[in-house]
Protein backbone atom coordinates (compact mmCIF):
# COMPACT_ATOMS: atom_id res chain seq x y z
CA MET A 1 7.90 -6.31 8.55
CA ARG A 2 4.71 -7.86 7.19
CA VAL A 3 3.55 -6.21 3.95
CA PHE A 4 0.27 -6.56 2.06
CA VAL A 5 0.23 -5.38 -1.60
CA VAL A 6 -2.94 -4.15 -3.32
CA ASP A 7 -3.10 -3.18 -6.99
CA GLY A 8 -5.44 -3.99 -9.83
CA ARG A 9 -2.51 -4.86 -12.09
CA TRP A 10 -0.73 -8.12 -11.42
CA GLU A 11 2.50 -6.71 -12.90
CA VAL A 12 2.64 -4.07 -10.18
CA ARG A 13 1.91 -6.58 -7.40
CA GLU A 14 4.54 -8.96 -8.78
CA GLY A 15 7.16 -6.22 -9.07
CA LEU A 16 6.61 -5.05 -5.51
CA ARG A 17 6.61 -8.61 -4.20
CA LEU A 18 9.90 -9.38 -5.97
CA LEU A 19 11.44 -6.16 -4.68
CA LEU A 20 10.37 -6.86 -1.09
CA GLU A 21 11.49 -10.50 -1.20
CA GLN A 22 15.04 -9.23 -1.64
CA GLU A 23 14.82 -7.38 1.69
CA THR A 24 15.64 -9.46 4.75
CA ASP A 25 13.27 -7.46 6.97
CA ALA A 26 10.18 -7.82 4.76
CA THR A 27 7.68 -10.56 4.11
CA VAL A 28 4.77 -10.18 1.71
CA VAL A 29 1.86 -11.68 3.65
CA GLY A 30 -0.78 -11.17 0.98
CA GLU A 31 -1.87 -9.58 -2.26
CA ALA A 32 -5.20 -8.40 -3.62
CA ALA A 33 -6.47 -6.98 -6.88
CA ASP A 34 -9.69 -5.46 -5.55
CA LEU A 35 -11.32 -4.06 -2.43
CA ARG A 36 -13.20 -7.20 -1.44
CA GLY A 37 -10.06 -9.34 -1.54
CA LEU A 38 -8.12 -6.63 0.24
CA LEU A 39 -10.46 -6.21 3.19
CA TYR A 40 -10.93 -9.93 3.80
CA GLU A 41 -7.29 -10.93 3.40
CA ALA A 42 -5.76 -7.91 5.14
CA GLN A 43 -7.86 -8.47 8.23
CA LYS A 44 -6.65 -12.10 8.37
CA ALA A 45 -3.00 -11.22 7.69
CA GLN A 46 -2.79 -8.20 10.04
CA PRO A 47 0.14 -6.64 8.13
CA ASP A 48 2.44 -3.92 9.40
CA VAL A 49 2.22 -2.08 6.08
CA VAL A 50 -0.43 -2.04 3.34
CA LEU A 51 0.64 -0.72 -0.06
CA VAL A 52 -2.58 0.24 -1.84
CA ASP A 53 -3.32 1.65 -5.27
CA TRP A 54 -5.01 5.02 -4.69
CA GLU A 55 -7.01 4.59 -7.89
CA LEU A 56 -8.18 1.04 -7.15
CA GLU A 57 -10.98 0.43 -9.65
CA GLY A 58 -14.40 1.46 -8.42
CA VAL A 59 -13.20 2.53 -4.98
CA PRO A 60 -12.55 6.05 -3.69
CA GLY A 61 -9.11 6.06 -2.08
CA HIS A 62 -10.18 7.85 1.09
CA GLY A 63 -12.76 5.15 1.85
CA THR A 64 -10.17 2.43 1.41
CA VAL A 65 -7.75 4.12 3.83
CA MET A 66 -10.46 4.53 6.46
CA GLN A 67 -11.55 0.89 6.15
CA LEU A 68 -7.97 -0.35 6.37
CA HIS A 69 -7.26 1.69 9.49
CA ALA A 70 -10.41 0.26 11.08
CA LEU A 71 -9.57 -3.38 10.18
CA CYS A 72 -5.82 -3.19 10.77
CA PRO A 73 -5.32 -0.36 13.27
CA ARG A 74 -1.56 -0.93 13.68
CA ALA A 75 -0.84 -1.04 9.93
CA ARG A 76 0.71 1.86 8.06
CA VAL A 77 -1.25 2.50 4.88
CA ILE A 78 0.86 3.71 1.96
CA ALA A 79 -1.02 4.92 -1.10
CA SER A 80 0.46 4.68 -4.58
CA SER A 81 -0.53 6.38 -7.80
CA VAL A 82 0.73 7.29 -11.24
CA ARG A 83 -0.62 10.78 -10.56
CA PRO A 84 1.67 12.94 -8.42
CA GLU A 85 -1.23 15.28 -7.71
CA SER A 86 -2.89 12.48 -5.70
CA ARG A 87 -0.20 12.73 -3.01
CA GLU A 88 -1.69 15.63 -1.07
CA THR A 89 -5.20 14.17 -1.17
CA ALA A 90 -4.05 10.70 -0.07
CA LEU A 91 -2.09 12.08 2.87
CA SER A 92 -4.91 14.40 3.93
CA CYS A 93 -7.30 11.41 3.85
CA GLY A 94 -5.19 9.49 6.35
CA ALA A 95 -2.62 7.61 4.28
CA ASP A 96 0.62 7.26 6.23
CA GLY A 97 2.78 7.59 3.15
CA PHE A 98 2.65 8.04 -0.60
CA LEU A 99 4.56 6.50 -3.50
CA GLN A 100 4.36 7.65 -7.06
CA LYS A 101 4.41 4.63 -9.33
CA GLY A 102 7.72 4.75 -11.13
CA ASP A 103 9.63 6.12 -8.13
CA PRO A 104 13.21 4.83 -7.84
CA VAL A 105 13.66 1.63 -5.82
CA GLU A 106 15.48 3.55 -3.07
CA THR A 107 12.51 5.88 -2.62
CA ILE A 108 10.04 3.00 -2.52
CA LEU A 109 12.03 1.16 0.14
CA ASP A 110 12.58 4.33 2.16
CA VAL A 111 8.85 5.08 2.30
CA ILE A 112 7.92 1.48 3.11
CA PHE A 113 10.52 0.99 5.83
CA TYR A 114 11.35 4.33 7.35
CA SER A 115 9.34 7.38 6.71
CA LYS A 116 5.95 8.91 6.79
CA THR A 117 5.83 11.23 3.82
CA GLU A 118 4.39 14.62 4.62
């Protein structure tokens, strides 16, 4: 599985990359800290999954999801946020899954690999 990680904080990107590198079925194919880097690099990488910060600075989350689905139509877009109340909005805007930052590792891997959260 090819994964692209998007978050404004390098610590979050690094943590997710390190977690996914331990999984034999995952390869991090790119990272971005902002929307411009995300859209350019994700289109080149054509990932299977994009993990994207729902509160990416200066960007409404719903617009990001729509753009990602247009550029990478086969990719699952999984939104992440520190705010649990963002879950319903992210899913209703087209995100294929949702992670609350701080979720246990098992939950993160389950959402990335197996399930569409509803």
